[in-house]
């Protein structure tokens, strides 16, 4: 079958995109508002953009009504954030941080997620995360202003935290990380089954 985006609704295009680009890693992004309220939310449009300089990127899309998410609002205002890893054991808590709650409510407290102070940036990091990347905003690429449009956030990594027992000679233990991937609908994938090929 062939689909032309201009003949589909944004929701139909979205379903095809997330079903065809799968699984996707999850950025559990912590920010803080101008008034000091902590925010924590997961985003699966996420990847590494550059190693030298180290830059990560993720995409908080506008809602289906065209509103910007609290994460994006906070980053525009304070220009700092933390990207935390999500392990299988974090799945239930991470899912709670998907809920739409008022911007005045602390999502760490709402989802019972423990937080730690970051070393350089203002937003807290997730205490149980195997890896956390403290970031300063590099730039935001606004891809549109309509509902469900993307806002690509690129962040310069200024500090990397890895749990002591999960890293050896800069290699992060994938079994300890136990990462999950986002698929379509309510589906997630595990990373416990692996194959190896020599290059």
N, C-alpha and C. Protein backbone atom coordinates (compact mmCIF):
# COMPACT_ATOMS: atom_id res chain seq x y z
N UNK A 1 0.83 -1.19 0.00
CA UNK A 1 0.00 0.00 0.00
C UNK A 1 0.87 1.25 0.00
N UNK A 2 0.40 2.27 -0.64
CA UNK A 2 1.12 3.54 -0.65
C UNK A 2 0.22 4.61 -0.02
N UNK A 3 0.83 5.40 0.88
CA UNK A 3 0.10 6.47 1.54
C UNK A 3 0.77 7.80 1.23
N UNK A 4 0.01 8.80 0.86
CA UNK A 4 0.53 10.14 0.65
C UNK A 4 0.12 11.01 1.84
N UNK A 5 1.09 11.53 2.60
CA UNK A 5 0.75 12.27 3.81
C UNK A 5 -0.27 13.38 3.61
N UNK A 6 -0.22 14.06 2.46
CA UNK A 6 -1.14 15.18 2.27
C UNK A 6 -2.60 14.73 2.16
N UNK A 7 -2.83 13.44 1.93
CA UNK A 7 -4.20 12.94 1.83
C UNK A 7 -4.68 12.29 3.13
N UNK A 8 -3.85 12.32 4.15
CA UNK A 8 -4.17 11.69 5.43
C UNK A 8 -4.32 12.75 6.53
N UNK A 9 -4.94 12.34 7.62
CA UNK A 9 -4.99 13.22 8.79
C UNK A 9 -3.66 13.11 9.54
N UNK A 10 -3.30 14.13 10.34
CA UNK A 10 -2.07 14.03 11.14
C UNK A 10 -2.04 12.78 12.03
N UNK A 11 -3.20 12.39 12.57
CA UNK A 11 -3.25 11.21 13.43
C UNK A 11 -2.94 9.94 12.63
N UNK A 12 -3.43 9.85 11.40
CA UNK A 12 -3.14 8.69 10.56
C UNK A 12 -1.66 8.62 10.20
N UNK A 13 -1.07 9.77 9.88
CA UNK A 13 0.36 9.81 9.58
C UNK A 13 1.17 9.40 10.81
N UNK A 14 0.76 9.90 11.96
CA UNK A 14 1.45 9.59 13.22
C UNK A 14 1.46 8.08 13.47
N UNK A 15 0.32 7.43 13.25
CA UNK A 15 0.25 5.98 13.47
C UNK A 15 1.20 5.23 12.54
N UNK A 16 1.29 5.66 11.30
CA UNK A 16 2.20 5.02 10.36
C UNK A 16 3.66 5.25 10.75
N UNK A 17 3.97 6.45 11.21
CA UNK A 17 5.34 6.77 11.61
C UNK A 17 5.79 5.95 12.81
N UNK A 18 4.98 5.93 13.87
CA UNK A 18 5.41 5.23 15.08
C UNK A 18 5.36 3.72 14.92
N UNK A 19 4.51 3.24 13.98
CA UNK A 19 4.47 1.80 13.72
C UNK A 19 5.63 1.34 12.86
N UNK A 20 6.09 2.23 11.98
CA UNK A 20 7.17 1.86 11.07
C UNK A 20 8.55 2.17 11.60
N UNK A 21 8.65 3.13 12.53
CA UNK A 21 9.94 3.47 13.16
C UNK A 21 9.87 2.93 14.59
N UNK A 22 10.31 1.69 14.75
CA UNK A 22 10.07 0.97 15.99
C UNK A 22 11.08 -0.16 16.15
N UNK A 23 11.58 -0.43 17.34
CA UNK A 23 11.34 0.29 18.59
C UNK A 23 12.17 1.58 18.65
N UNK A 24 11.76 2.48 19.55
CA UNK A 24 12.46 3.74 19.71
C UNK A 24 12.96 3.86 21.14
N UNK A 25 14.20 4.34 21.35
CA UNK A 25 14.67 4.55 22.72
C UNK A 25 13.85 5.66 23.39
N UNK A 26 13.88 5.67 24.70
CA UNK A 26 13.06 6.62 25.46
C UNK A 26 13.95 7.57 26.24
N UNK A 27 13.72 8.86 26.05
CA UNK A 27 14.37 9.89 26.87
C UNK A 27 13.40 10.27 27.97
N UNK A 28 13.81 10.06 29.21
CA UNK A 28 13.00 10.47 30.37
C UNK A 28 13.54 11.83 30.77
N UNK A 29 12.86 12.88 30.36
CA UNK A 29 13.43 14.23 30.43
C UNK A 29 12.92 14.98 31.66
N UNK A 30 13.87 15.45 32.46
CA UNK A 30 13.52 16.26 33.62
C UNK A 30 13.88 17.72 33.36
N UNK A 31 12.94 18.58 33.71
CA UNK A 31 13.13 20.02 33.57
C UNK A 31 12.59 20.69 34.82
N UNK A 32 12.76 21.99 34.90
CA UNK A 32 12.17 22.77 35.99
C UNK A 32 11.60 24.04 35.40
N UNK A 33 10.47 24.47 35.92
CA UNK A 33 9.81 25.66 35.39
C UNK A 33 10.45 26.92 35.96
N UNK A 34 10.09 28.04 35.39
CA UNK A 34 10.60 29.34 35.85
C UNK A 34 10.23 29.58 37.31
N UNK A 35 9.10 29.01 37.74
CA UNK A 35 8.66 29.18 39.13
C UNK A 35 9.18 28.09 40.05
N UNK A 36 10.02 27.17 39.51
CA UNK A 36 10.67 26.16 40.35
C UNK A 36 9.96 24.83 40.48
N UNK A 37 8.96 24.56 39.62
CA UNK A 37 8.23 23.29 39.67
C UNK A 37 8.96 22.25 38.82
N UNK A 38 9.21 21.07 39.41
CA UNK A 38 9.89 19.99 38.70
C UNK A 38 8.95 19.30 37.72
N UNK A 39 9.47 18.98 36.53
CA UNK A 39 8.70 18.29 35.50
C UNK A 39 9.49 17.07 35.05
N UNK A 40 8.80 15.97 34.77
CA UNK A 40 9.43 14.74 34.30
C UNK A 40 8.50 14.08 33.30
N UNK A 41 9.00 13.82 32.08
CA UNK A 41 8.15 13.25 31.04
C UNK A 41 8.99 12.42 30.06
N UNK A 42 8.41 11.34 29.52
CA UNK A 42 9.13 10.50 28.55
C UNK A 42 8.84 10.92 27.11
N UNK A 43 9.87 10.77 26.27
CA UNK A 43 9.75 11.08 24.84
C UNK A 43 10.48 10.00 24.05
N UNK A 44 9.80 9.43 23.06
CA UNK A 44 10.43 8.35 22.29
C UNK A 44 10.93 8.80 20.93
N UNK A 45 10.79 10.07 20.59
CA UNK A 45 11.47 10.59 19.40
C UNK A 45 12.81 11.13 19.91
N UNK A 46 13.81 10.25 20.02
CA UNK A 46 15.03 10.55 20.77
C UNK A 46 16.22 9.79 20.20
N UNK A 47 17.38 10.49 20.11
CA UNK A 47 18.61 9.80 19.69
C UNK A 47 19.83 10.67 19.97
N UNK A 48 21.01 10.11 19.64
CA UNK A 48 22.27 10.86 19.69
C UNK A 48 22.39 11.65 18.39
N UNK A 49 22.76 12.92 18.49
CA UNK A 49 22.92 13.75 17.30
C UNK A 49 24.39 13.92 16.93
N UNK A 50 25.29 13.91 17.93
CA UNK A 50 26.72 14.14 17.67
C UNK A 50 27.53 13.62 18.85
N UNK A 51 28.74 13.10 18.55
CA UNK A 51 29.64 12.67 19.62
C UNK A 51 30.70 13.71 19.93
N UNK A 52 31.07 14.51 18.94
CA UNK A 52 32.10 15.53 19.14
C UNK A 52 31.72 16.79 18.36
N UNK A 53 31.04 17.73 19.00
CA UNK A 53 30.69 17.80 20.42
C UNK A 53 29.55 16.85 20.77
N UNK A 54 29.45 16.44 22.05
CA UNK A 54 28.37 15.54 22.44
C UNK A 54 27.03 16.27 22.47
N UNK A 55 26.10 15.82 21.63
CA UNK A 55 24.78 16.44 21.54
C UNK A 55 23.73 15.34 21.47
N UNK A 56 22.70 15.47 22.28
CA UNK A 56 21.55 14.59 22.22
C UNK A 56 20.36 15.39 21.68
N UNK A 57 19.40 14.68 21.09
CA UNK A 57 18.21 15.38 20.61
C UNK A 57 16.97 14.56 20.91
N UNK A 58 15.88 15.27 21.16
CA UNK A 58 14.58 14.64 21.31
C UNK A 58 13.53 15.61 20.82
N UNK A 59 12.31 15.10 20.63
CA UNK A 59 11.29 15.90 19.96
C UNK A 59 9.99 15.88 20.74
N UNK A 60 9.72 16.93 21.53
CA UNK A 60 8.41 17.04 22.18
C UNK A 60 7.40 17.65 21.22
N UNK A 61 6.57 16.79 20.61
CA UNK A 61 5.58 17.28 19.66
C UNK A 61 4.51 18.11 20.37
N UNK A 62 3.93 19.04 19.63
CA UNK A 62 2.77 19.75 20.15
C UNK A 62 1.62 18.77 20.33
N UNK A 63 0.70 19.09 21.20
CA UNK A 63 -0.45 18.22 21.43
C UNK A 63 -1.37 18.24 20.22
N UNK A 64 -2.37 17.38 20.24
CA UNK A 64 -3.32 17.35 19.12
C UNK A 64 -4.20 18.60 19.07
N UNK A 65 -4.05 19.45 20.08
CA UNK A 65 -4.75 20.74 20.06
C UNK A 65 -3.78 21.89 19.76
N UNK A 66 -2.49 21.56 19.56
CA UNK A 66 -1.50 22.56 19.18
C UNK A 66 -0.76 23.20 20.33
N UNK A 67 -1.00 22.76 21.57
CA UNK A 67 -0.32 23.34 22.73
C UNK A 67 1.08 22.75 22.89
N UNK A 68 2.01 23.56 23.37
CA UNK A 68 3.36 23.06 23.66
C UNK A 68 3.36 22.35 25.01
N UNK A 69 4.10 21.26 25.10
CA UNK A 69 4.18 20.51 26.35
C UNK A 69 5.03 21.26 27.37
N UNK A 70 4.78 20.96 28.65
CA UNK A 70 5.48 21.66 29.73
C UNK A 70 6.99 21.53 29.60
N UNK A 71 7.45 20.35 29.16
CA UNK A 71 8.90 20.14 28.98
C UNK A 71 9.48 21.19 28.04
N UNK A 72 8.83 21.39 26.91
CA UNK A 72 9.32 22.34 25.91
C UNK A 72 9.24 23.78 26.44
N UNK A 73 8.15 24.11 27.11
CA UNK A 73 8.02 25.45 27.69
C UNK A 73 9.15 25.72 28.67
N UNK A 74 9.44 24.74 29.53
CA UNK A 74 10.51 24.91 30.53
C UNK A 74 11.88 25.07 29.87
N UNK A 75 12.13 24.29 28.82
CA UNK A 75 13.43 24.37 28.14
C UNK A 75 13.57 25.71 27.42
N UNK A 76 12.51 26.18 26.82
CA UNK A 76 12.58 27.51 26.18
C UNK A 76 12.93 28.58 27.22
N UNK A 77 12.39 28.45 28.42
CA UNK A 77 12.58 29.48 29.45
C UNK A 77 13.95 29.39 30.13
N UNK A 78 14.36 28.18 30.54
CA UNK A 78 15.58 28.04 31.34
C UNK A 78 16.74 27.41 30.59
N UNK A 79 16.48 26.79 29.43
CA UNK A 79 17.52 26.29 28.53
C UNK A 79 18.40 25.20 29.15
N UNK A 80 17.82 24.41 30.04
CA UNK A 80 18.54 23.29 30.64
C UNK A 80 17.58 22.11 30.82
N UNK A 81 18.15 20.89 30.77
CA UNK A 81 17.34 19.69 31.00
C UNK A 81 18.26 18.51 31.27
N UNK A 82 17.68 17.42 31.75
CA UNK A 82 18.42 16.18 31.97
C UNK A 82 17.68 15.06 31.24
N UNK A 83 18.43 14.25 30.49
CA UNK A 83 17.86 13.06 29.85
C UNK A 83 18.29 11.85 30.66
N UNK A 84 17.31 11.14 31.22
CA UNK A 84 17.56 9.98 32.05
C UNK A 84 17.19 8.71 31.30
N UNK A 85 17.96 7.64 31.52
CA UNK A 85 17.65 6.36 30.89
C UNK A 85 16.42 5.73 31.56
N UNK A 86 15.77 4.84 30.82
CA UNK A 86 14.61 4.13 31.34
C UNK A 86 14.88 2.63 31.26
N UNK A 87 14.95 1.98 32.41
CA UNK A 87 15.12 0.53 32.47
C UNK A 87 13.76 -0.13 32.63
N UNK A 88 13.72 -1.44 32.41
CA UNK A 88 12.45 -2.16 32.52
C UNK A 88 11.82 -1.96 33.90
N UNK A 89 12.63 -1.92 34.93
CA UNK A 89 12.10 -1.75 36.29
C UNK A 89 11.47 -0.37 36.49
N UNK A 90 11.75 0.57 35.59
CA UNK A 90 11.18 1.92 35.69
C UNK A 90 9.87 2.08 34.93
N UNK A 91 9.44 1.05 34.20
CA UNK A 91 8.35 1.20 33.24
C UNK A 91 7.06 1.74 33.87
N UNK A 92 6.65 1.19 35.00
CA UNK A 92 5.38 1.63 35.61
C UNK A 92 5.46 3.09 36.05
N UNK A 93 6.60 3.47 36.67
CA UNK A 93 6.76 4.86 37.10
C UNK A 93 6.83 5.80 35.90
N UNK A 94 7.57 5.37 34.87
CA UNK A 94 7.67 6.20 33.67
C UNK A 94 6.30 6.42 33.05
N UNK A 95 5.48 5.36 33.04
CA UNK A 95 4.15 5.46 32.46
C UNK A 95 3.30 6.49 33.21
N UNK A 96 3.49 6.58 34.51
CA UNK A 96 2.74 7.58 35.29
C UNK A 96 3.12 9.00 34.89
N UNK A 97 4.37 9.19 34.49
CA UNK A 97 4.79 10.54 34.10
C UNK A 97 4.29 10.92 32.71
N UNK A 98 3.55 10.00 32.05
CA UNK A 98 2.87 10.33 30.79
C UNK A 98 1.57 11.08 31.05
N UNK A 99 1.06 10.98 32.27
CA UNK A 99 -0.25 11.55 32.59
C UNK A 99 -0.26 13.06 32.41
N UNK A 100 -1.39 13.58 31.99
CA UNK A 100 -1.56 15.03 31.85
C UNK A 100 -1.96 15.60 33.21
N UNK A 101 -1.03 16.24 33.88
CA UNK A 101 -1.33 16.87 35.16
C UNK A 101 -1.00 18.36 35.05
N UNK A 102 -1.52 19.18 35.96
CA UNK A 102 -1.26 20.62 35.88
C UNK A 102 0.23 20.94 35.95
N UNK A 103 0.64 21.98 35.24
CA UNK A 103 2.05 22.38 35.21
C UNK A 103 2.55 22.82 36.58
N UNK A 104 1.62 23.07 37.49
CA UNK A 104 2.00 23.50 38.85
C UNK A 104 2.29 22.33 39.77
N UNK A 105 2.13 21.10 39.28
CA UNK A 105 2.33 19.92 40.11
C UNK A 105 3.67 19.26 39.79
N UNK A 106 4.39 18.85 40.82
CA UNK A 106 5.70 18.20 40.69
C UNK A 106 5.51 16.76 40.23
N UNK A 107 5.99 16.43 39.03
CA UNK A 107 5.79 15.08 38.49
C UNK A 107 6.68 14.04 39.16
N UNK A 108 7.80 14.44 39.73
CA UNK A 108 8.58 13.49 40.52
C UNK A 108 7.73 13.00 41.69
N UNK A 109 7.08 13.93 42.38
CA UNK A 109 6.25 13.56 43.53
C UNK A 109 5.00 12.80 43.08
N UNK A 110 4.38 13.25 42.01
CA UNK A 110 3.17 12.61 41.50
C UNK A 110 3.40 11.13 41.20
N UNK A 111 4.55 10.81 40.60
CA UNK A 111 4.84 9.42 40.19
C UNK A 111 5.74 8.69 41.19
N UNK A 112 6.02 9.32 42.32
CA UNK A 112 6.88 8.72 43.36
C UNK A 112 8.25 8.33 42.82
N UNK A 113 8.85 9.25 42.06
CA UNK A 113 10.19 9.06 41.51
C UNK A 113 11.17 9.86 42.37
N UNK A 114 12.20 9.17 42.88
CA UNK A 114 13.20 9.87 43.69
C UNK A 114 14.10 10.71 42.79
N UNK A 115 14.49 11.88 43.29
CA UNK A 115 15.34 12.76 42.49
C UNK A 115 16.66 13.04 43.20
N UNK A 116 17.65 13.40 42.39
CA UNK A 116 18.97 13.80 42.88
C UNK A 116 19.32 15.13 42.25
N UNK A 117 20.06 15.95 42.97
CA UNK A 117 20.53 17.22 42.40
C UNK A 117 21.53 16.93 41.29
N UNK A 118 21.45 17.69 40.24
CA UNK A 118 22.43 17.58 39.15
C UNK A 118 23.70 18.33 39.55
N UNK A 119 24.78 18.09 38.82
CA UNK A 119 26.07 18.73 39.13
C UNK A 119 26.18 20.13 38.55
N UNK A 120 25.62 20.32 37.35
CA UNK A 120 25.83 21.57 36.62
C UNK A 120 24.51 22.30 36.33
N UNK A 121 23.51 21.57 35.86
CA UNK A 121 22.25 22.22 35.47
C UNK A 121 21.27 22.23 36.63
N UNK A 122 20.24 23.05 36.52
CA UNK A 122 19.26 23.20 37.59
C UNK A 122 18.29 22.02 37.73
N UNK A 123 17.78 21.43 36.63
CA UNK A 123 16.84 20.32 36.79
C UNK A 123 17.47 19.13 37.51
N UNK A 124 16.66 18.46 38.32
CA UNK A 124 17.12 17.25 39.00
C UNK A 124 17.23 16.10 38.01
N UNK A 125 17.96 15.06 38.43
CA UNK A 125 18.00 13.84 37.65
C UNK A 125 17.26 12.74 38.40
N UNK A 126 16.93 11.67 37.70
CA UNK A 126 16.21 10.54 38.30
C UNK A 126 17.21 9.69 39.07
N UNK A 127 16.95 9.49 40.37
CA UNK A 127 17.91 8.80 41.23
C UNK A 127 18.22 7.39 40.74
N UNK A 128 17.22 6.62 40.34
CA UNK A 128 17.46 5.21 39.99
C UNK A 128 17.91 5.01 38.55
N UNK A 129 17.98 6.07 37.77
CA UNK A 129 18.41 5.92 36.37
C UNK A 129 19.85 5.41 36.31
N UNK A 130 20.10 4.45 35.44
CA UNK A 130 21.45 3.93 35.26
C UNK A 130 22.34 5.01 34.64
N UNK A 131 21.78 5.78 33.71
CA UNK A 131 22.53 6.84 33.03
C UNK A 131 21.69 8.12 33.03
N UNK A 132 22.34 9.25 33.29
CA UNK A 132 21.69 10.56 33.17
C UNK A 132 22.65 11.51 32.47
N UNK A 133 22.10 12.27 31.53
CA UNK A 133 22.88 13.25 30.77
C UNK A 133 22.38 14.65 31.11
N UNK A 134 23.23 15.44 31.75
CA UNK A 134 22.88 16.84 31.98
C UNK A 134 23.13 17.61 30.69
N UNK A 135 22.15 18.41 30.29
CA UNK A 135 22.24 19.11 29.00
C UNK A 135 21.92 20.59 29.12
N UNK A 136 22.60 21.38 28.32
CA UNK A 136 22.25 22.78 28.10
C UNK A 136 21.74 22.90 26.67
N UNK A 137 20.75 23.74 26.48
CA UNK A 137 20.13 23.87 25.17
C UNK A 137 21.14 24.36 24.13
N UNK A 138 21.21 23.65 23.02
CA UNK A 138 21.98 24.08 21.87
C UNK A 138 21.07 24.88 20.94
N UNK A 139 19.96 24.26 20.56
CA UNK A 139 18.97 24.96 19.75
C UNK A 139 17.68 24.16 19.70
N UNK A 140 16.60 24.85 19.34
CA UNK A 140 15.32 24.21 19.09
C UNK A 140 14.95 24.47 17.64
N UNK A 141 14.67 23.41 16.90
CA UNK A 141 14.25 23.54 15.51
C UNK A 141 12.73 23.32 15.48
N UNK A 142 11.98 24.40 15.32
CA UNK A 142 10.53 24.31 15.26
C UNK A 142 10.13 23.86 13.86
N UNK A 143 9.49 22.71 13.77
CA UNK A 143 9.14 22.12 12.48
C UNK A 143 7.73 22.47 12.02
N UNK A 144 7.04 23.24 12.80
CA UNK A 144 5.69 23.66 12.46
C UNK A 144 4.99 24.22 13.67
N UNK A 145 3.84 24.84 13.45
CA UNK A 145 3.06 25.41 14.55
C UNK A 145 1.68 24.77 14.64
N UNK A 146 1.41 23.79 13.80
CA UNK A 146 0.11 23.13 13.81
C UNK A 146 0.07 22.03 14.87
N UNK A 147 -1.13 21.53 15.20
CA UNK A 147 -1.21 20.39 16.12
C UNK A 147 -0.34 19.22 15.67
N UNK A 148 0.35 18.60 16.62
CA UNK A 148 1.21 17.44 16.41
C UNK A 148 2.49 17.76 15.63
N UNK A 149 2.82 19.05 15.52
CA UNK A 149 4.07 19.41 14.86
C UNK A 149 5.23 19.20 15.83
N UNK A 150 6.41 18.99 15.26
CA UNK A 150 7.58 18.69 16.07
C UNK A 150 8.40 19.92 16.43
N UNK A 151 9.10 19.79 17.55
CA UNK A 151 10.01 20.83 18.01
C UNK A 151 11.29 20.12 18.44
N UNK A 152 12.23 20.01 17.51
CA UNK A 152 13.43 19.22 17.76
C UNK A 152 14.37 19.97 18.70
N UNK A 153 14.60 19.39 19.87
CA UNK A 153 15.45 19.99 20.89
C UNK A 153 16.82 19.33 20.84
N UNK A 154 17.85 20.13 20.62
CA UNK A 154 19.23 19.63 20.65
C UNK A 154 19.91 20.18 21.90
N UNK A 155 20.53 19.28 22.66
CA UNK A 155 21.17 19.68 23.91
C UNK A 155 22.63 19.30 23.96
N UNK A 156 23.47 20.25 24.37
CA UNK A 156 24.89 19.97 24.59
C UNK A 156 25.04 19.23 25.91
N UNK A 157 25.66 18.06 25.86
CA UNK A 157 25.86 17.27 27.08
C UNK A 157 27.01 17.88 27.88
N UNK A 158 26.70 18.29 29.12
CA UNK A 158 27.73 18.94 29.96
C UNK A 158 28.16 18.06 31.12
N UNK A 159 27.44 16.99 31.39
CA UNK A 159 27.84 16.03 32.42
C UNK A 159 27.11 14.72 32.17
N UNK A 160 27.82 13.61 32.41
CA UNK A 160 27.25 12.27 32.24
C UNK A 160 27.40 11.51 33.55
N UNK A 161 26.30 10.98 34.04
CA UNK A 161 26.30 10.19 35.27
C UNK A 161 25.96 8.74 34.92
N UNK A 162 26.80 7.80 35.34
CA UNK A 162 26.54 6.38 35.13
C UNK A 162 26.71 5.67 36.48
N UNK A 163 25.79 4.80 36.82
CA UNK A 163 25.91 4.08 38.08
C UNK A 163 27.23 3.30 38.11
N UNK A 164 27.91 3.35 39.23
CA UNK A 164 29.27 2.81 39.34
C UNK A 164 29.41 1.39 38.82
N UNK A 165 28.46 0.52 39.18
CA UNK A 165 28.59 -0.89 38.82
C UNK A 165 28.12 -1.18 37.40
N UNK A 166 27.73 -0.14 36.65
CA UNK A 166 27.20 -0.36 35.30
C UNK A 166 28.15 0.07 34.20
N UNK A 167 29.37 0.48 34.54
CA UNK A 167 30.30 0.96 33.52
C UNK A 167 31.70 0.44 33.79
N UNK A 168 32.37 -0.04 32.74
CA UNK A 168 33.76 -0.48 32.81
C UNK A 168 34.48 0.04 31.58
N UNK A 169 35.54 0.81 31.79
CA UNK A 169 36.32 1.37 30.68
C UNK A 169 35.40 2.09 29.68
N UNK A 170 34.49 2.88 30.20
CA UNK A 170 33.55 3.71 29.41
C UNK A 170 32.48 2.90 28.67
N UNK A 171 32.44 1.57 28.86
CA UNK A 171 31.40 0.76 28.24
C UNK A 171 30.30 0.50 29.26
N UNK A 172 29.08 0.91 28.89
CA UNK A 172 27.94 0.72 29.78
C UNK A 172 27.38 -0.69 29.58
N UNK A 173 27.15 -1.38 30.69
CA UNK A 173 26.64 -2.76 30.68
C UNK A 173 25.19 -2.76 30.20
N UNK A 174 24.94 -3.31 29.03
CA UNK A 174 23.60 -3.28 28.45
C UNK A 174 22.61 -4.11 29.25
N UNK A 175 23.10 -5.20 29.89
CA UNK A 175 22.20 -6.02 30.70
C UNK A 175 21.75 -5.26 31.95
N UNK A 176 22.66 -4.51 32.54
CA UNK A 176 22.31 -3.73 33.71
C UNK A 176 21.41 -2.55 33.32
N UNK A 177 21.68 -1.97 32.17
CA UNK A 177 20.83 -0.88 31.69
C UNK A 177 19.40 -1.39 31.46
N UNK A 178 19.28 -2.60 30.90
CA UNK A 178 17.97 -3.24 30.71
C UNK A 178 16.97 -2.27 30.09
N UNK A 179 17.41 -1.62 29.01
CA UNK A 179 16.60 -0.59 28.38
C UNK A 179 15.34 -1.15 27.75
N UNK A 180 14.32 -0.31 27.64
CA UNK A 180 13.11 -0.67 26.94
C UNK A 180 12.96 0.25 25.73
N UNK A 181 12.17 -0.18 24.77
CA UNK A 181 11.92 0.61 23.58
C UNK A 181 10.43 0.85 23.42
N UNK A 182 10.09 1.96 22.83
CA UNK A 182 8.69 2.31 22.60
C UNK A 182 8.28 1.81 21.22
N UNK A 183 7.11 1.22 21.18
CA UNK A 183 6.55 0.77 19.91
C UNK A 183 5.23 1.51 19.69
N UNK A 184 4.35 0.99 18.86
CA UNK A 184 3.08 1.66 18.61
C UNK A 184 2.08 1.34 19.72
N UNK A 185 1.08 2.21 19.88
CA UNK A 185 0.03 1.97 20.87
C UNK A 185 0.59 1.89 22.28
N UNK A 186 0.20 0.85 23.01
CA UNK A 186 0.67 0.67 24.38
C UNK A 186 1.82 -0.33 24.46
N UNK A 187 2.44 -0.65 23.33
CA UNK A 187 3.47 -1.68 23.28
C UNK A 187 4.87 -1.12 23.56
N UNK A 188 5.64 -1.91 24.32
CA UNK A 188 7.05 -1.62 24.57
C UNK A 188 7.84 -2.88 24.22
N UNK A 189 9.11 -2.71 23.91
CA UNK A 189 9.97 -3.86 23.64
C UNK A 189 11.09 -3.91 24.67
N UNK A 190 11.60 -5.11 24.92
CA UNK A 190 12.73 -5.30 25.81
C UNK A 190 13.99 -5.46 24.98
N UNK A 191 15.14 -5.30 25.63
CA UNK A 191 16.42 -5.43 24.92
C UNK A 191 17.24 -6.59 25.49
N UNK A 192 16.58 -7.57 26.04
CA UNK A 192 17.30 -8.66 26.71
C UNK A 192 17.81 -9.72 25.73
N UNK A 193 17.20 -9.86 24.58
CA UNK A 193 17.67 -10.80 23.57
C UNK A 193 18.54 -10.04 22.57
N UNK A 194 19.79 -10.52 22.41
CA UNK A 194 20.73 -9.81 21.54
C UNK A 194 21.43 -10.78 20.60
N UNK A 195 21.89 -10.30 19.47
CA UNK A 195 22.77 -11.05 18.58
C UNK A 195 24.01 -10.21 18.35
N UNK A 196 25.12 -10.87 18.07
CA UNK A 196 26.37 -10.16 17.83
C UNK A 196 26.94 -10.52 16.46
N UNK A 197 27.41 -9.50 15.75
CA UNK A 197 28.07 -9.71 14.46
C UNK A 197 29.35 -8.88 14.44
N UNK A 198 30.43 -9.49 13.97
CA UNK A 198 31.66 -8.72 13.83
C UNK A 198 31.59 -7.83 12.59
N UNK A 199 32.13 -6.63 12.71
CA UNK A 199 32.16 -5.72 11.55
C UNK A 199 33.35 -6.08 10.67
